[in-house]
C-alpha atoms as a PDB file:
ATOM      1  CA  SER A   1      71.045  83.985  98.235  1.00  0.00           C
ATOM      2  CA  GLY A   2      72.132  87.235  96.546  1.00  0.00           C
ATOM      3  CA  SER A   3      75.175  89.350  96.985  1.00  0.00           C
ATOM      4  CA  GLN A   4      75.167  92.484  99.097  1.00  0.00           C
ATOM      5  CA  ILE A   5      76.819  95.806  98.299  1.00  0.00           C
ATOM      6  CA  ASP A   6      78.828  97.155 101.212  1.00  0.00           C
ATOM      7  CA  THR A   7      80.309 100.147  99.410  1.00  0.00           C
ATOM      8  CA  CYS A   8      79.137 102.045  96.363  1.00  0.00           C
ATOM      9  CA  ASP A   9      80.767 105.407  95.681  1.00  0.00           C
ATOM     10  CA  TYR A  10      82.755 107.542  93.207  1.00  0.00           C
ATOM     11  CA  ASN A  11      80.497 106.694  90.254  1.00  0.00           C
ATOM     12  CA  ILE A  12      79.067 108.664  87.347  1.00  0.00           C
ATOM     13  CA  TYR A  13      75.571 107.627  86.283  1.00  0.00           C
ATOM     14  CA  TYR A  14      75.148 108.932  82.740  1.00  0.00           C
ATOM     15  CA  GLY A  15      71.748 109.428  81.160  1.00  0.00           C
ATOM     16  CA  LEU A  16      69.923 109.254  84.472  1.00  0.00           C
ATOM     17  CA  ASN A  17      68.007 111.959  86.285  1.00  0.00           C
ATOM     18  CA  LYS A  18      68.309 112.073  90.079  1.00  0.00           C
ATOM     19  CA  ASN A  19      64.639 113.021  90.326  1.00  0.00           C
ATOM     20  CA  ASN A  20      63.330 109.890  88.635  1.00  0.00           C
ATOM     21  CA  MET A  21      65.981 107.209  89.076  1.00  0.00           C
ATOM     22  CA  ALA A  22      65.692 104.178  91.321  1.00  0.00           C
ATOM     23  CA  MET A  23      68.494 102.183  92.870  1.00  0.00           C
ATOM     24  CA  ARG A  24      67.916  98.601  93.941  1.00  0.00           C
ATOM     25  CA  SER A  25      68.914  97.568  97.443  1.00  0.00           C
ATOM     26  CA  ASN A  26      68.403  94.334  99.371  1.00  0.00           C
ATOM     27  CA  THR A  27      65.134  95.818 100.683  1.00  0.00           C
ATOM     28  CA  GLY A  28      63.750  96.927  97.309  1.00  0.00           C
ATOM     29  CA  PHE A  29      64.010  99.993  95.106  1.00  0.00           C
ATOM     30  CA  LYS A  30      65.114 103.332  96.572  1.00  0.00           C
ATOM     31  CA  THR A  31      64.955 106.881  95.268  1.00  0.00           C
ATOM     32  CA  TRP A  32      68.278 108.686  94.807  1.00  0.00           C
ATOM     33  CA  GLN A  33      67.812 110.498  98.133  1.00  0.00           C
ATOM     34  CA  GLN A  34      66.938 107.269  99.954  1.00  0.00           C
ATOM     35  CA  TRP A  35      69.991 105.602  98.382  1.00  0.00           C
ATOM     36  CA  LEU A  36      72.231 108.442  99.600  1.00  0.00           C
ATOM     37  CA  SER A  37      70.703 108.230 103.089  1.00  0.00           C
ATOM     38  CA  LEU A  38      71.830 104.584 103.249  1.00  0.00           C
ATOM     39  CA  GLY A  39      75.407 105.842 102.839  1.00  0.00           C
ATOM     40  CA  TYR A  40      75.890 104.935  99.181  1.00  0.00           C
ATOM     41  CA  ASP A  41      77.307 107.143  96.397  1.00  0.00           C
ATOM     42  CA  ALA A  42      78.071 110.193  98.549  1.00  0.00           C
ATOM     43  CA  ASN A  43      80.763 111.239  96.035  1.00  0.00           C
ATOM     44  CA  SER A  44      78.892 110.131  92.906  1.00  0.00           C
ATOM     45  CA  ASP A  45      76.973 112.192  90.353  1.00  0.00           C
ATOM     46  CA  THR A  46      74.609 111.926  87.407  1.00  0.00           C
ATOM     47  CA  ALA A  47      76.218 113.792  84.538  1.00  0.00           C
ATOM     48  CA  ASN A  48      77.819 113.433  81.139  1.00  0.00           C
ATOM     49  CA  PRO A  49      81.344 112.114  81.794  1.00  0.00           C
ATOM     50  CA  ASP A  50      82.698 113.804  78.604  1.00  0.00           C
ATOM     51  CA  LEU A  51      84.441 110.887  76.972  1.00  0.00           C
ATOM     52  CA  ILE A  52      86.619 110.615  73.874  1.00  0.00           C
ATOM     53  CA  ASN A  53      86.139 107.284  72.129  1.00  0.00           C
ATOM     54  CA  LEU A  54      84.595 104.780  74.514  1.00  0.00           C
ATOM     55  CA  TYR A  55      86.388 105.326  77.824  1.00  0.00           C
ATOM     56  CA  GLU A  56      89.036 108.037  77.510  1.00  0.00           C
ATOM     57  CA  LEU A  57      88.352 111.315  79.325  1.00  0.00           C
ATOM     58  CA  LYS A  58      88.172 114.772  77.744  1.00  0.00           C
ATOM     59  CA  ASN A  59      89.888 117.550  79.676  1.00  0.00           C
ATOM     60  CA  THR A  60      86.404 118.816  80.691  1.00  0.00           C
ATOM     61  CA  SER A  61      85.278 115.534  82.258  1.00  0.00           C
ATOM     62  CA  ILE A  62      83.881 115.572  85.797  1.00  0.00           C
ATOM     63  CA  ALA A  63      85.593 112.192  86.231  1.00  0.00           C
ATOM     64  CA  ILE A  64      89.038 113.830  86.441  1.00  0.00           C
ATOM     65  CA  ASP A  65      90.374 113.788  90.020  1.00  0.00           C
ATOM     66  CA  ASN A  66      87.000 112.652  91.408  1.00  0.00           C
ATOM     67  CA  GLY A  67      87.736 108.957  91.898  1.00  0.00           C
ATOM     68  CA  PHE A  68      89.054 106.940  94.784  1.00  0.00           C
ATOM     69  CA  ASN A  69      92.756 106.246  95.257  1.00  0.00           C
ATOM     70  CA  PHE A  70      93.297 102.475  95.074  1.00  0.00           C
ATOM     71  CA  SER A  71      97.105 102.657  95.105  1.00  0.00           C
ATOM     72  CA  ASN A  72      97.178 100.026  97.846  1.00  0.00           C
ATOM     73  CA  LEU A  73      95.794  97.571  95.228  1.00  0.00           C
ATOM     74  CA  PHE A  74      97.299  98.757  91.905  1.00  0.00           C
ATOM     75  CA  ASP A  75      99.049 101.824  90.509  1.00  0.00           C
ATOM     76  CA  LYS A  76      98.406 101.889  86.744  1.00  0.00           C
ATOM     77  CA  ASP A  77      95.362 102.426  84.561  1.00  0.00           C
ATOM     78  CA  LYS A  78      94.193  99.969  81.888  1.00  0.00           C
ATOM     79  CA  ARG A  79      96.793 101.292  79.402  1.00  0.00           C
ATOM     80  CA  GLY A  80      99.633 101.017  81.906  1.00  0.00           C
ATOM     81  CA  ILE A  81      99.733 104.782  82.601  1.00  0.00           C
ATOM     82  CA  PRO A  82     100.814 105.379  86.232  1.00  0.00           C
ATOM     83  CA  ARG A  83      98.164 106.676  88.610  1.00  0.00           C
ATOM     84  CA  SER A  84      99.106 109.162  91.307  1.00  0.00           C
ATOM     85  CA  VAL A  85      99.611 107.881  94.834  1.00  0.00           C
ATOM     86  CA  ALA A  86      99.196 111.356  96.339  1.00  0.00           C
ATOM     87  CA  VAL A  87      95.921 112.636  94.867  1.00  0.00           C
ATOM     88  CA  LEU A  88      92.481 111.420  93.884  1.00  0.00           C
ATOM     89  CA  TRP A  89      92.327 109.227  90.826  1.00  0.00           C
ATOM     90  CA  ASP A  90      90.122 109.736  87.813  1.00  0.00           C
ATOM     91  CA  ILE A  91      86.887 107.751  87.773  1.00  0.00           C
ATOM     92  CA  GLY A  92      87.066 104.876  85.306  1.00  0.00           C
ATOM     93  CA  ALA A  93      89.633 102.576  83.749  1.00  0.00           C
ATOM     94  CA  TYR A  94      91.715 105.351  82.185  1.00  0.00           C
ATOM     95  CA  GLU A  95      93.634 108.180  83.843  1.00  0.00           C
ATOM     96  CA  TYR A  96      93.379 111.501  81.995  1.00  0.00           C
ATOM     97  CA  VAL A  97      96.664 112.530  80.400  1.00  0.00           C
ATOM     98  CA  ASN A  98      97.117 116.143  79.287  1.00  0.00           C
ATOM     99  CA  CYS A  99      98.919 115.898  75.954  1.00  0.00           C
ATOM    100  CA  SER A 100      99.196 119.620  75.174  1.00  0.00           C
ATOM    101  CA  ILE A 101     102.659 120.936  74.404  1.00  0.00           C
END
């Protein structure tokens, strides 16, 4: 018996093309459009996330303010930086921090 995905959203699929990608569901492989029609990844995209290092976001990243707010579960990113409780979070483990002075 395999596991089933109930929710899949707010993701960035890098290096994939929506026109030729396949997503696997419990009923087999689906095109991107078929996957969306099942209710998955409505707020996701296929694009370059613009990262610095391995996971940190550049100020041009589409991941900024495009994630889901999980403040009911935790309120800090992987570095311990507070995440907002009022707005959308950044996609990924790290919240973008504008360090310009």
